[in-house]
Amino acid sequence: MSKAYSSNLTSEQFELLEALIPPAKAGGRPREVDLREILNAIFYLLTQGCSWRNLPGDLPPWSTVYTYFRNWRIEGVWLSIHDCLRGWVRADNNCRESPSEAIIDRKPAGLQSADSWRFARR
């Protein structure tokens, strides 16, 4: 078990995300790693902005964490997790599950004139 990092999942959060993670493939070697620790390591990496190789020693090895991250990305698991988390946040804020409007603005913030915008695009 790793230290209590601020990015660690609560038991409730892990139970909700665990349903989105695909089961181990049949016929292979049984999983020896705790998926909660894998998720904690990935969320630690995302919140701290460190590199894979700089994960703390009390988390699973970086190569194991990266392998799970990569496989889940290829299988679309992260997209499912993202959609689920977005729904929870929107529900907590009393919003609809999906946004009803979007704003698209190509002009970078802080540029006031059309000339400065043309210059910034070069």
PDB file of N, CA and C in Angstrom:
ATOM      1  N   MET A   1       0.848  -1.179   0.000  1.00  0.00           N
ATOM      2  CA  MET A   1       0.000   0.000   0.000  1.00  0.00           C
ATOM      3  C   MET A   1       0.892   1.241   0.000  1.00  0.00           C
ATOM      4  N   SER A   2       0.540   2.204  -0.832  1.00  0.00           N
ATOM      5  CA  SER A   2       1.341   3.416  -0.934  1.00  0.00           C
ATOM      6  C   SER A   2       0.967   4.407   0.162  1.00  0.00           C
ATOM      7  N   LYS A   3       1.777   5.463   0.253  1.00  0.00           N
ATOM      8  CA  LYS A   3       1.481   6.547   1.189  1.00  0.00           C
ATOM      9  C   LYS A   3       0.167   7.210   0.792  1.00  0.00           C
ATOM     10  N   ALA A   4      -0.344   8.009   1.669  1.00  0.00           N
ATOM     11  CA  ALA A   4      -1.595   8.723   1.392  1.00  0.00           C
ATOM     12  C   ALA A   4      -1.277  10.005   0.621  1.00  0.00           C
ATOM     13  N   TYR A   5      -1.313   9.922  -0.699  1.00  0.00           N
ATOM     14  CA  TYR A   5      -1.116  11.097  -1.541  1.00  0.00           C
ATOM     15  C   TYR A   5      -2.471  11.756  -1.778  1.00  0.00           C
ATOM     16  N   SER A   6      -2.450  13.045  -2.028  1.00  0.00           N
ATOM     17  CA  SER A   6      -3.712  13.759  -2.254  1.00  0.00           C
ATOM     18  C   SER A   6      -4.417  13.281  -3.520  1.00  0.00           C
ATOM     19  N   SER A   7      -3.680  12.666  -4.432  1.00  0.00           N
ATOM     20  CA  SER A   7      -4.264  12.179  -5.683  1.00  0.00           C
ATOM     21  C   SER A   7      -4.855  10.778  -5.558  1.00  0.00           C
ATOM     22  N   ASN A   8      -4.677  10.118  -4.407  1.00  0.00           N
ATOM     23  CA  ASN A   8      -5.190   8.753  -4.235  1.00  0.00           C
ATOM     24  C   ASN A   8      -6.713   8.722  -4.296  1.00  0.00           C
ATOM     25  N   LEU A   9      -7.222   7.635  -4.841  1.00  0.00           N
ATOM     26  CA  LEU A   9      -8.663   7.438  -4.924  1.00  0.00           C
ATOM     27  C   LEU A   9      -9.224   7.011  -3.577  1.00  0.00           C
ATOM     28  N   THR A  10     -10.417   7.477  -3.272  1.00  0.00           N
ATOM     29  CA  THR A  10     -11.114   6.973  -2.090  1.00  0.00           C
ATOM     30  C   THR A  10     -11.698   5.605  -2.442  1.00  0.00           C
ATOM     31  N   SER A  11     -12.138   4.874  -1.443  1.00  0.00           N
ATOM     32  CA  SER A  11     -12.749   3.559  -1.693  1.00  0.00           C
ATOM     33  C   SER A  11     -13.975   3.691  -2.588  1.00  0.00           C
ATOM     34  N   GLU A  12     -14.771   4.709  -2.344  1.00  0.00           N
ATOM     35  CA  GLU A  12     -15.972   4.931  -3.151  1.00  0.00           C
ATOM     36  C   GLU A  12     -15.612   5.233  -4.605  1.00  0.00           C
ATOM     37  N   GLN A  13     -14.613   6.085  -4.806  1.00  0.00           N
ATOM     38  CA  GLN A  13     -14.188   6.423  -6.164  1.00  0.00           C
ATOM     39  C   GLN A  13     -13.656   5.193  -6.890  1.00  0.00           C
ATOM     40  N   PHE A  14     -12.862   4.389  -6.192  1.00  0.00           N
ATOM     41  CA  PHE A  14     -12.307   3.203  -6.830  1.00  0.00           C
ATOM     42  C   PHE A  14     -13.400   2.207  -7.196  1.00  0.00           C
ATOM     43  N   GLU A  15     -14.376   2.027  -6.338  1.00  0.00           N
ATOM     44  CA  GLU A  15     -15.478   1.098  -6.638  1.00  0.00           C
ATOM     45  C   GLU A  15     -16.207   1.513  -7.914  1.00  0.00           C
ATOM     46  N   LEU A  16     -16.391   2.807  -8.107  1.00  0.00           N
ATOM     47  CA  LEU A  16     -17.071   3.289  -9.307  1.00  0.00           C
ATOM     48  C   LEU A  16     -16.214   3.086 -10.556  1.00  0.00           C
ATOM     49  N   LEU A  17     -14.908   3.330 -10.442  1.00  0.00           N
ATOM     50  CA  LEU A  17     -14.026   3.180 -11.598  1.00  0.00           C
ATOM     51  C   LEU A  17     -13.700   1.722 -11.897  1.00  0.00           C
ATOM     52  N   GLU A  18     -13.700   0.893 -10.881  1.00  0.00           N
ATOM     53  CA  GLU A  18     -13.339  -0.517 -11.055  1.00  0.00           C
ATOM     54  C   GLU A  18     -14.257  -1.205 -12.070  1.00  0.00           C
ATOM     55  N   ALA A  19     -15.516  -0.791 -12.107  1.00  0.00           N
ATOM     56  CA  ALA A  19     -16.467  -1.385 -13.050  1.00  0.00           C
ATOM     57  C   ALA A  19     -16.110  -1.065 -14.501  1.00  0.00           C
ATOM     58  N   LEU A  20     -15.335  -0.005 -14.730  1.00  0.00           N
ATOM     59  CA  LEU A  20     -14.967   0.399 -16.091  1.00  0.00           C
ATOM     60  C   LEU A  20     -13.690  -0.270 -16.584  1.00  0.00           C
ATOM     61  N   ILE A  21     -12.970  -0.922 -15.692  1.00  0.00           N
ATOM     62  CA  ILE A  21     -11.696  -1.551 -16.048  1.00  0.00           C
ATOM     63  C   ILE A  21     -11.962  -2.969 -16.533  1.00  0.00           C
ATOM     64  N   PRO A  22     -11.417  -3.329 -17.703  1.00  0.00           N
ATOM     65  CA  PRO A  22     -11.664  -4.675 -18.224  1.00  0.00           C
ATOM     66  C   PRO A  22     -11.045  -5.744 -17.324  1.00  0.00           C
ATOM     67  N   PRO A  23     -11.682  -6.914 -17.249  1.00  0.00           N
ATOM     68  CA  PRO A  23     -11.123  -7.998 -16.429  1.00  0.00           C
ATOM     69  C   PRO A  23      -9.842  -8.536 -17.055  1.00  0.00           C
ATOM     70  N   ALA A  24      -9.080  -9.271 -16.267  1.00  0.00           N
ATOM     71  CA  ALA A  24      -7.856  -9.890 -16.783  1.00  0.00           C
ATOM     72  C   ALA A  24      -8.223 -10.864 -17.893  1.00  0.00           C
ATOM     73  N   LYS A  25      -7.354 -10.969 -18.886  1.00  0.00           N
ATOM     74  CA  LYS A  25      -7.616 -11.866 -20.008  1.00  0.00           C
ATOM     75  C   LYS A  25      -7.498 -13.316 -19.561  1.00  0.00           C
ATOM     76  N   ALA A  26      -8.372 -14.143 -20.079  1.00  0.00           N
ATOM     77  CA  ALA A  26      -8.389 -15.561 -19.711  1.00  0.00           C
ATOM     78  C   ALA A  26      -7.156 -16.274 -20.269  1.00  0.00           C
ATOM     79  N   GLY A  27      -6.679 -17.241 -19.522  1.00  0.00           N
ATOM     80  CA  GLY A  27      -5.571 -18.062 -19.992  1.00  0.00           C
ATOM     81  C   GLY A  27      -4.202 -17.496 -19.695  1.00  0.00           C
ATOM     82  N   GLY A  28      -4.147 -16.283 -19.269  1.00  0.00           N
ATOM     83  CA  GLY A  28      -2.858 -15.668 -18.981  1.00  0.00           C
ATOM     84  C   GLY A  28      -2.475 -15.818 -17.523  1.00  0.00           C
ATOM     85  N   ARG A  29      -1.384 -15.204 -17.203  1.00  0.00           N
ATOM     86  CA  ARG A  29      -0.928 -15.193 -15.821  1.00  0.00           C
ATOM     87  C   ARG A  29      -1.873 -14.332 -14.984  1.00  0.00           C
ATOM     88  N   PRO A  30      -2.222 -14.771 -13.786  1.00  0.00           N
ATOM     89  CA  PRO A  30      -3.137 -13.961 -12.970  1.00  0.00           C
ATOM     90  C   PRO A  30      -2.496 -12.632 -12.569  1.00  0.00           C
ATOM     91  N   ARG A  31      -3.332 -11.618 -12.423  1.00  0.00           N
ATOM     92  CA  ARG A  31      -2.836 -10.306 -12.000  1.00  0.00           C
ATOM     93  C   ARG A  31      -2.266 -10.397 -10.597  1.00  0.00           C
ATOM     94  N   GLU A  32      -1.096  -9.822 -10.434  1.00  0.00           N
ATOM     95  CA  GLU A  32      -0.473  -9.780  -9.115  1.00  0.00           C
ATOM     96  C   GLU A  32      -0.462  -8.370  -8.553  1.00  0.00           C
ATOM     97  N   VAL A  33      -0.852  -7.412  -9.377  1.00  0.00           N
ATOM     98  CA  VAL A  33      -0.799  -6.009  -8.984  1.00  0.00           C
ATOM     99  C   VAL A  33      -2.202  -5.531  -8.610  1.00  0.00           C
ATOM    100  N   ASP A  34      -2.258  -4.636  -7.654  1.00  0.00           N
ATOM    101  CA  ASP A  34      -3.522  -4.051  -7.210  1.00  0.00           C
ATOM    102  C   ASP A  34      -3.896  -2.926  -8.180  1.00  0.00           C
ATOM    103  N   LEU A  35      -5.047  -3.056  -8.831  1.00  0.00           N
ATOM    104  CA  LEU A  35      -5.458  -2.050  -9.811  1.00  0.00           C
ATOM    105  C   LEU A  35      -5.677  -0.681  -9.176  1.00  0.00           C
ATOM    106  N   ARG A  36      -6.056  -0.669  -7.924  1.00  0.00           N
ATOM    107  CA  ARG A  36      -6.212   0.615  -7.229  1.00  0.00           C
ATOM    108  C   ARG A  36      -4.862   1.326  -7.142  1.00  0.00           C
ATOM    109  N   GLU A  37      -3.798   0.577  -6.877  1.00  0.00           N
ATOM    110  CA  GLU A  37      -2.461   1.174  -6.815  1.00  0.00           C
ATOM    111  C   GLU A  37      -2.012   1.665  -8.194  1.00  0.00           C
ATOM    112  N   ILE A  38      -2.387   0.936  -9.239  1.00  0.00           N
ATOM    113  CA  ILE A  38      -2.067   1.375 -10.600  1.00  0.00           C
ATOM    114  C   ILE A  38      -2.757   2.710 -10.882  1.00  0.00           C
ATOM    115  N   LEU A  39      -4.042   2.792 -10.571  1.00  0.00           N
ATOM    116  CA  LEU A  39      -4.776   4.045 -10.781  1.00  0.00           C
ATOM    117  C   LEU A  39      -4.216   5.167  -9.916  1.00  0.00           C
ATOM    118  N   ASN A  40      -3.873   4.868  -8.671  1.00  0.00           N
ATOM    119  CA  ASN A  40      -3.277   5.888  -7.805  1.00  0.00           C
ATOM    120  C   ASN A  40      -1.974   6.408  -8.400  1.00  0.00           C
ATOM    121  N   ALA A  41      -1.167   5.512  -8.956  1.00  0.00           N
ATOM    122  CA  ALA A  41       0.103   5.922  -9.564  1.00  0.00           C
ATOM    123  C   ALA A  41      -0.139   6.805 -10.787  1.00  0.00           C
ATOM    124  N   ILE A  42      -1.113   6.442 -11.611  1.00  0.00           N
ATOM    125  CA  ILE A  42      -1.411   7.242 -12.803  1.00  0.00           C
ATOM    126  C   ILE A  42      -1.934   8.617 -12.401  1.00  0.00           C
ATOM    127  N   PHE A  43      -2.833   8.668 -11.425  1.00  0.00           N
ATOM    128  CA  PHE A  43      -3.353   9.961 -10.977  1.00  0.00           C
ATOM    129  C   PHE A  43      -2.264  10.783 -10.281  1.00  0.00           C
ATOM    130  N   TYR A  44      -1.336  10.137  -9.591  1.00  0.00           N
ATOM    131  CA  TYR A  44      -0.203  10.848  -8.992  1.00  0.00           C
ATOM    132  C   TYR A  44       0.618  11.506 -10.099  1.00  0.00           C
ATOM    133  N   LEU A  45       0.915  10.736 -11.128  1.00  0.00           N
ATOM    134  CA  LEU A  45       1.710  11.234 -12.244  1.00  0.00           C
ATOM    135  C   LEU A  45       1.026  12.429 -12.904  1.00  0.00           C
ATOM    136  N   LEU A  46      -0.283  12.337 -13.089  1.00  0.00           N
ATOM    137  CA  LEU A  46      -1.024  13.425 -13.734  1.00  0.00           C
ATOM    138  C   LEU A  46      -1.084  14.680 -12.871  1.00  0.00           C
ATOM    139  N   THR A  47      -1.245  14.515 -11.562  1.00  0.00           N
ATOM    140  CA  THR A  47      -1.357  15.692 -10.698  1.00  0.00           C
ATOM    141  C   THR A  47      -0.007  16.323 -10.401  1.00  0.00           C
ATOM    142  N   GLN A  48       1.046  15.524 -10.327  1.00  0.00           N
ATOM    143  CA  GLN A  48       2.364  16.053  -9.979  1.00  0.00           C
ATOM    144  C   GLN A  48       3.181  16.463 -11.198  1.00  0.00           C
ATOM    145  N   GLY A  49       2.827  15.942 -12.367  1.00  0.00           N
ATOM    146  CA  GLY A  49       3.546  16.303 -13.579  1.00  0.00           C
ATOM    147  C   GLY A  49       4.934  15.698 -13.672  1.00  0.00           C
ATOM    148  N   CYS A  50       5.179  14.624 -12.954  1.00  0.00           N
ATOM    149  CA  CYS A  50       6.498  13.992 -13.012  1.00  0.00           C
ATOM    150  C   CYS A  50       6.559  13.019 -14.185  1.00  0.00           C
ATOM    151  N   SER A  51       7.750  12.523 -14.474  1.00  0.00           N
ATOM    152  CA  SER A  51       7.905  11.541 -15.542  1.00  0.00           C
ATOM    153  C   SER A  51       7.610  10.148 -14.998  1.00  0.00           C
ATOM    154  N   TRP A  52       7.411   9.212 -15.923  1.00  0.00           N
ATOM    155  CA  TRP A  52       7.115   7.835 -15.515  1.00  0.00           C
ATOM    156  C   TRP A  52       8.185   7.298 -14.574  1.00  0.00           C
ATOM    157  N   ARG A  53       9.429   7.529 -14.906  1.00  0.00           N
ATOM    158  CA  ARG A  53      10.536   6.963 -14.123  1.00  0.00           C
ATOM    159  C   ARG A  53      10.703   7.625 -12.757  1.00  0.00           C
ATOM    160  N   ASN A  54      10.033   8.745 -12.540  1.00  0.00           N
ATOM    161  CA  ASN A  54      10.144   9.444 -11.257  1.00  0.00           C
ATOM    162  C   ASN A  54       8.967   9.190 -10.322  1.00  0.00           C
ATOM    163  N   LEU A  55       8.202   8.138 -10.584  1.00  0.00           N
ATOM    164  CA  LEU A  55       7.140   7.778  -9.641  1.00  0.00           C
ATOM    165  C   LEU A  55       7.776   7.365  -8.322  1.00  0.00           C
ATOM    166  N   PRO A  56       7.161   7.701  -7.194  1.00  0.00           N
ATOM    167  CA  PRO A  56       7.724   7.315  -5.890  1.00  0.00           C
ATOM    168  C   PRO A  56       7.873   5.796  -5.776  1.00  0.00           C
ATOM    169  N   GLY A  57       8.834   5.386  -4.984  1.00  0.00           N
ATOM    170  CA  GLY A  57       9.146   3.971  -4.823  1.00  0.00           C
ATOM    171  C   GLY A  57       8.064   3.156  -4.145  1.00  0.00           C
ATOM    172  N   ASP A  58       7.149   3.805  -3.420  1.00  0.00           N
ATOM    173  CA  ASP A  58       6.098   3.040  -2.748  1.00  0.00           C
ATOM    174  C   ASP A  58       4.917   2.734  -3.674  1.00  0.00           C
ATOM    175  N   LEU A  59       4.937   3.270  -4.897  1.00  0.00           N
ATOM    176  CA  LEU A  59       3.934   2.938  -5.901  1.00  0.00           C
ATOM    177  C   LEU A  59       4.473   1.785  -6.752  1.00  0.00           C
ATOM    178  N   PRO A  60       3.624   1.123  -7.535  1.00  0.00           N
ATOM    179  CA  PRO A  60       4.126   0.035  -8.385  1.00  0.00           C
ATOM    180  C   PRO A  60       5.211   0.541  -9.337  1.00  0.00           C
ATOM    181  N   PRO A  61       6.039  -0.361  -9.871  1.00  0.00           N
ATOM    182  CA  PRO A  61       7.105   0.053 -10.794  1.00  0.00           C
ATOM    183  C   PRO A  61       6.540   0.832 -11.988  1.00  0.00           C
ATOM    184  N   TRP A  62       7.302   1.823 -12.437  1.00  0.00           N
ATOM    185  CA  TRP A  62       6.825   2.696 -13.506  1.00  0.00           C
ATOM    186  C   TRP A  62       6.494   1.907 -14.760  1.00  0.00           C
ATOM    187  N   SER A  63       7.270   0.860 -15.060  1.00  0.00           N
ATOM    188  CA  SER A  63       7.030   0.092 -16.282  1.00  0.00           C
ATOM    189  C   SER A  63       5.686  -0.638 -16.216  1.00  0.00           C
ATOM    190  N   THR A  64       5.327  -1.130 -15.048  1.00  0.00           N
ATOM    191  CA  THR A  64       4.033  -1.796 -14.868  1.00  0.00           C
ATOM    192  C   THR A  64       2.902  -0.787 -15.018  1.00  0.00           C
ATOM    193  N   VAL A  65       3.056   0.365 -14.381  1.00  0.00           N
ATOM    194  CA  VAL A  65       2.031   1.413 -14.446  1.00  0.00           C
ATOM    195  C   VAL A  65       1.861   1.871 -15.890  1.00  0.00           C
ATOM    196  N   TYR A  66       2.974   2.085 -16.594  1.00  0.00           N
ATOM    197  CA  TYR A  66       2.906   2.540 -17.982  1.00  0.00           C
ATOM    198  C   TYR A  66       2.239   1.495 -18.875  1.00  0.00           C
ATOM    199  N   THR A  67       2.540   0.227 -18.659  1.00  0.00           N
ATOM    200  CA  THR A  67       1.938  -0.831 -19.473  1.00  0.00           C
ATOM    201  C   THR A  67       0.420  -0.832 -19.324  1.00  0.00           C
ATOM    202  N   TYR A  68      -0.064  -0.726 -18.095  1.00  0.00           N
ATOM    203  CA  TYR A  68      -1.513  -0.657 -17.886  1.00  0.00           C
ATOM    204  C   TYR A  68      -2.089   0.599 -18.526  1.00  0.00           C
ATOM    205  N   PHE A  69      -1.425   1.739 -18.326  1.00  0.00           N
ATOM    206  CA  PHE A  69      -1.895   2.996 -18.907  1.00  0.00           C
ATOM    207  C   PHE A  69      -2.002   2.877 -20.428  1.00  0.00           C
ATOM    208  N   ARG A  70      -0.960   2.352 -21.058  1.00  0.00           N
ATOM    209  CA  ARG A  70      -0.920   2.220 -22.518  1.00  0.00           C
ATOM    210  C   ARG A  70      -2.013   1.276 -23.017  1.00  0.00           C
ATOM    211  N   ASN A  71      -2.139   0.120 -22.393  1.00  0.00           N
ATOM    212  CA  ASN A  71      -3.156  -0.844 -22.821  1.00  0.00           C
ATOM    213  C   ASN A  71      -4.563  -0.278 -22.659  1.00  0.00           C
ATOM    214  N   TRP A  72      -4.805   0.410 -21.553  1.00  0.00           N
ATOM    215  CA  TRP A  72      -6.127   0.997 -21.337  1.00  0.00           C
ATOM    216  C   TRP A  72      -6.401   2.117 -22.333  1.00  0.00           C
ATOM    217  N   ARG A  73      -5.358   2.849 -22.721  1.00  0.00           N
ATOM    218  CA  ARG A  73      -5.540   3.904 -23.723  1.00  0.00           C
ATOM    219  C   ARG A  73      -5.923   3.284 -25.062  1.00  0.00           C
ATOM    220  N   ILE A  74      -5.231   2.229 -25.460  1.00  0.00           N
ATOM    221  CA  ILE A  74      -5.506   1.561 -26.731  1.00  0.00           C
ATOM    222  C   ILE A  74      -6.910   0.963 -26.739  1.00  0.00           C
ATOM    223  N   GLU A  75      -7.339   0.396 -25.613  1.00  0.00           N
ATOM    224  CA  GLU A  75      -8.649  -0.261 -25.520  1.00  0.00           C
ATOM    225  C   GLU A  75      -9.800   0.715 -25.289  1.00  0.00           C
ATOM    226  N   GLY A  76      -9.506   1.997 -25.107  1.00  0.00           N
ATOM    227  CA  GLY A  76     -10.552   2.996 -24.910  1.00  0.00           C
ATOM    228  C   GLY A  76     -11.063   3.105 -23.480  1.00  0.00           C
ATOM    229  N   VAL A  77     -10.351   2.492 -22.548  1.00  0.00           N
ATOM    230  CA  VAL A  77     -10.777   2.530 -21.147  1.00  0.00           C
ATOM    231  C   VAL A  77     -10.703   3.954 -20.610  1.00  0.00           C
ATOM    232  N   TRP A  78      -9.665   4.704 -20.982  1.00  0.00           N
ATOM    233  CA  TRP A  78      -9.515   6.071 -20.471  1.00  0.00           C
ATOM    234  C   TRP A  78     -10.640   6.976 -20.949  1.00  0.00           C
ATOM    235  N   LEU A  79     -11.105   6.745 -22.164  1.00  0.00           N
ATOM    236  CA  LEU A  79     -12.231   7.535 -22.661  1.00  0.00           C
ATOM    237  C   LEU A  79     -13.478   7.261 -21.823  1.00  0.00           C
ATOM    238  N   SER A  80     -13.705   5.998 -21.483  1.00  0.00           N
ATOM    239  CA  SER A  80     -14.846   5.636 -20.626  1.00  0.00           C
ATOM    240  C   SER A  80     -14.712   6.263 -19.246  1.00  0.00           C
ATOM    241  N   ILE A  81     -13.503   6.202 -18.682  1.00  0.00           N
ATOM    242  CA  ILE A  81     -13.270   6.785 -17.360  1.00  0.00           C
ATOM    243  C   ILE A  81     -13.489   8.295 -17.405  1.00  0.00           C
ATOM    244  N   HIS A  82     -12.976   8.939 -18.451  1.00  0.00           N
ATOM    245  CA  HIS A  82     -13.141  10.388 -18.592  1.00  0.00           C
ATOM    246  C   HIS A  82     -14.617  10.761 -18.678  1.00  0.00           C
ATOM    247  N   ASP A  83     -15.361  10.043 -19.503  1.00  0.00           N
ATOM    248  CA  ASP A  83     -16.788  10.328 -19.646  1.00  0.00           C
ATOM    249  C   ASP A  83     -17.524  10.142 -18.322  1.00  0.00           C
ATOM    250  N   CYS A  84     -17.161   9.093 -17.600  1.00  0.00           N
ATOM    251  CA  CYS A  84     -17.789   8.812 -16.307  1.00  0.00           C
ATOM    252  C   CYS A  84     -17.470   9.925 -15.298  1.00  0.00           C
ATOM    253  N   LEU A  85     -16.200  10.309 -15.207  1.00  0.00           N
ATOM    254  CA  LEU A  85     -15.799  11.364 -14.276  1.00  0.00           C
ATOM    255  C   LEU A  85     -16.464  12.692 -14.627  1.00  0.00           C
ATOM    256  N   ARG A  86     -16.531  13.004 -15.919  1.00  0.00           N
ATOM    257  CA  ARG A  86     -17.182  14.245 -16.342  1.00  0.00           C
ATOM    258  C   ARG A  86     -18.647  14.239 -15.920  1.00  0.00           C
ATOM    259  N   GLY A  87     -19.313  13.108 -16.085  1.00  0.00           N
ATOM    260  CA  GLY A  87     -20.714  13.001 -15.675  1.00  0.00           C
ATOM    261  C   GLY A  87     -20.889  13.229 -14.188  1.00  0.00           C
ATOM    262  N   TRP A  88     -19.986  12.661 -13.379  1.00  0.00           N
ATOM    263  CA  TRP A  88     -20.066  12.845 -11.923  1.00  0.00           C
ATOM    264  C   TRP A  88     -19.872  14.303 -11.536  1.00  0.00           C
ATOM    265  N   VAL A  89     -18.878  14.950 -12.150  1.00  0.00           N
ATOM    266  CA  VAL A  89     -18.604  16.356 -11.822  1.00  0.00           C
ATOM    267  C   VAL A  89     -19.791  17.219 -12.218  1.00  0.00           C
ATOM    268  N   ARG A  90     -20.335  16.967 -13.399  1.00  0.00           N
ATOM    269  CA  ARG A  90     -21.485  17.755 -13.845  1.00  0.00           C
ATOM    270  C   ARG A  90     -22.695  17.506 -12.954  1.00  0.00           C
ATOM    271  N   ALA A  91     -22.890  16.268 -12.507  1.00  0.00           N
ATOM    272  CA  ALA A  91     -24.012  15.962 -11.608  1.00  0.00           C
ATOM    273  C   ALA A  91     -23.825  16.658 -10.262  1.00  0.00           C
ATOM    274  N   ASP A  92     -22.583  16.676  -9.759  1.00  0.00           N
ATOM    275  CA  ASP A  92     -22.306  17.363  -8.493  1.00  0.00           C
ATOM    276  C   ASP A  92     -22.575  18.860  -8.580  1.00  0.00           C
ATOM    277  N   ASN A  93     -22.418  19.421  -9.779  1.00  0.00           N
ATOM    278  CA  ASN A  93     -22.639  20.852  -9.982  1.00  0.00           C
ATOM    279  C   ASN A  93     -24.037  21.157 -10.512  1.00  0.00           C
ATOM    280  N   ASN A  94     -24.921  20.169 -10.433  1.00  0.00           N
ATOM    281  CA  ASN A  94     -26.307  20.318 -10.893  1.00  0.00           C
ATOM    282  C   ASN A  94     -26.400  20.753 -12.351  1.00  0.00           C
ATOM    283  N   CYS A  95     -25.563  20.167 -13.195  1.00  0.00           N
ATOM    284  CA  CYS A  95     -25.583  20.436 -14.629  1.00  0.00           C
ATOM    285  C   CYS A  95     -26.086  19.196 -15.364  1.00  0.00           C
ATOM    286  N   ARG A  96     -26.463  19.390 -16.619  1.00  0.00           N
ATOM    287  CA  ARG A  96     -26.824  18.235 -17.443  1.00  0.00           C
ATOM    288  C   ARG A  96     -25.594  17.356 -17.630  1.00  0.00           C
ATOM    289  N   GLU A  97     -25.848  16.090 -18.001  1.00  0.00           N
ATOM    290  CA  GLU A  97     -24.727  15.161 -18.148  1.00  0.00           C
ATOM    291  C   GLU A  97     -23.758  15.595 -19.242  1.00  0.00           C
ATOM    292  N   SER A  98     -24.281  16.149 -20.337  1.00  0.00           N
ATOM    293  CA  SER A  98     -23.405  16.637 -21.399  1.00  0.00           C
ATOM    294  C   SER A  98     -23.650  18.132 -21.590  1.00  0.00           C
ATOM    295  N   PRO A  99     -22.627  18.862 -21.997  1.00  0.00           N
ATOM    296  CA  PRO A  99     -22.775  20.310 -22.166  1.00  0.00           C
ATOM    297  C   PRO A  99     -23.803  20.639 -23.245  1.00  0.00           C
ATOM    298  N   SER A 100     -24.522  21.725 -23.057  1.00  0.00           N
ATOM    299  CA  SER A 100     -25.521  22.137 -24.039  1.00  0.00           C
ATOM    300  C   SER A 100     -24.973  23.206 -24.978  1.00  0.00           C
ATOM    301  N   GLU A 101     -23.873  23.846 -24.598  1.00  0.00           N
ATOM    302  CA  GLU A 101     -23.285  24.897 -25.419  1.00  0.00           C
ATOM    303  C   GLU A 101     -21.771  24.774 -25.388  1.00  0.00           C
ATOM    304  N   ALA A 102     -21.143  25.335 -26.414  1.00  0.00           N
ATOM    305  CA  ALA A 102     -19.685  25.384 -26.463  1.00  0.00           C
ATOM    306  C   ALA A 102     -19.275  26.722 -27.061  1.00  0.00           C
ATOM    307  N   ILE A 103     -18.137  27.217 -26.640  1.00  0.00           N
ATOM    308  CA  ILE A 103     -17.603  28.469 -27.160  1.00  0.00           C
ATOM    309  C   ILE A 103     -16.275  28.158 -27.831  1.00  0.00           C
ATOM    310  N   ILE A 104     -16.146  28.594 -29.070  1.00  0.00           N
ATOM    311  CA  ILE A 104     -14.903  28.386 -29.806  1.00  0.00           C
ATOM    312  C   ILE A 104     -14.336  29.756 -30.127  1.00  0.00           C
ATOM    313  N   ASP A 105     -13.096  29.987 -29.732  1.00  0.00           N
ATOM    314  CA  ASP A 105     -12.447  31.271 -29.952  1.00  0.00           C
ATOM    315  C   ASP A 105     -10.996  31.004 -30.281  1.00  0.00           C
ATOM    316  N   ARG A 106     -10.567  31.330 -31.488  1.00  0.00           N
ATOM    317  CA  ARG A 106      -9.197  31.069 -31.895  1.00  0.00           C
ATOM    318  C   ARG A 106      -8.241  32.166 -31.458  1.00  0.00           C
ATOM    319  N   LYS A 107      -8.756  33.302 -31.077  1.00  0.00           N
ATOM    320  CA  LYS A 107      -7.891  34.424 -30.725  1.00  0.00           C
ATOM    321  C   LYS A 107      -7.268  34.180 -29.356  1.00  0.00           C
ATOM    322  N   PRO A 108      -5.941  34.172 -29.268  1.00  0.00           N
ATOM    323  CA  PRO A 108      -5.295  33.967 -27.969  1.00  0.00           C
ATOM    324  C   PRO A 108      -5.623  35.090 -26.991  1.00  0.00           C
ATOM    325  N   ALA A 109      -5.719  34.754 -25.747  1.00  0.00           N
ATOM    326  CA  ALA A 109      -6.024  35.745 -24.716  1.00  0.00           C
ATOM    327  C   ALA A 109      -4.914  36.781 -24.644  1.00  0.00           C
ATOM    328  N   GLY A 110      -5.267  38.014 -24.422  1.00  0.00           N
ATOM    329  CA  GLY A 110      -4.292  39.076 -24.243  1.00  0.00           C
ATOM    330  C   GLY A 110      -3.975  39.850 -25.513  1.00  0.00           C
ATOM    331  N   LEU A 111      -4.383  39.371 -26.678  1.00  0.00           N
ATOM    332  CA  LEU A 111      -4.126  40.097 -27.917  1.00  0.00           C
ATOM    333  C   LEU A 111      -5.318  41.005 -28.200  1.00  0.00           C
ATOM    334  N   GLN A 112      -5.055  42.280 -28.356  1.00  0.00           N
ATOM    335  CA  GLN A 112      -6.138  43.251 -28.481  1.00  0.00           C
ATOM    336  C   GLN A 112      -6.444  43.614 -29.930  1.00  0.00           C
ATOM    337  N   SER A 113      -5.429  43.721 -30.760  1.00  0.00           N
ATOM    338  CA  SER A 113      -5.674  44.200 -32.117  1.00  0.00           C
ATOM    339  C   SER A 113      -5.531  43.076 -33.136  1.00  0.00           C
ATOM    340  N   ALA A 114      -6.075  43.313 -34.313  1.00  0.00           N
ATOM    341  CA  ALA A 114      -5.974  42.333 -35.397  1.00  0.00           C
ATOM    342  C   ALA A 114      -4.520  42.171 -35.830  1.00  0.00           C
ATOM    343  N   ASP A 115      -3.721  43.267 -35.776  1.00  0.00           N
ATOM    344  CA  ASP A 115      -2.313  43.180 -36.168  1.00  0.00           C
ATOM    345  C   ASP A 115      -1.547  42.241 -35.248  1.00  0.00           C
ATOM    346  N   SER A 116      -1.787  42.342 -33.961  1.00  0.00           N
ATOM    347  CA  SER A 116      -1.065  41.473 -33.031  1.00  0.00           C
ATOM    348  C   SER A 116      -1.488  40.019 -33.227  1.00  0.00           C
ATOM    349  N   TRP A 117      -2.734  39.786 -33.624  1.00  0.00           N
ATOM    350  CA  TRP A 117      -3.214  38.424 -33.884  1.00  0.00           C
ATOM    351  C   TRP A 117      -2.505  37.853 -35.105  1.00  0.00           C
ATOM    352  N   ARG A 118      -2.359  38.658 -36.166  1.00  0.00           N
ATOM    353  CA  ARG A 118      -1.650  38.181 -37.362  1.00  0.00           C
ATOM    354  C   ARG A 118      -0.197  37.880 -37.029  1.00  0.00           C
ATOM    355  N   PHE A 119       0.411  38.706 -36.197  1.00  0.00           N
ATOM    356  CA  PHE A 119       1.803  38.490 -35.815  1.00  0.00           C
ATOM    357  C   PHE A 119       1.951  37.203 -35.001  1.00  0.00           C
ATOM    358  N   ALA A 120       1.016  36.935 -34.105  1.00  0.00           N
ATOM    359  CA  ALA A 120       1.100  35.757 -33.236  1.00  0.00           C
ATOM    360  C   ALA A 120       0.947  34.465 -34.021  1.00  0.00           C
ATOM    361  N   ARG A 121       0.256  34.494 -35.153  1.00  0.00           N
ATOM    362  CA  ARG A 121       0.038  33.277 -35.938  1.00  0.00           C
ATOM    363  C   ARG A 121       1.265  32.872 -36.726  1.00  0.00           C
ATOM    364  N   ARG A 122       2.216  33.756 -36.932  1.00  0.00           N
ATOM    365  CA  ARG A 122       3.393  33.448 -37.764  1.00  0.00           C
ATOM    366  C   ARG A 122       4.374  32.582 -37.072  1.00  0.00           C
TER     367      ARG A 122
END
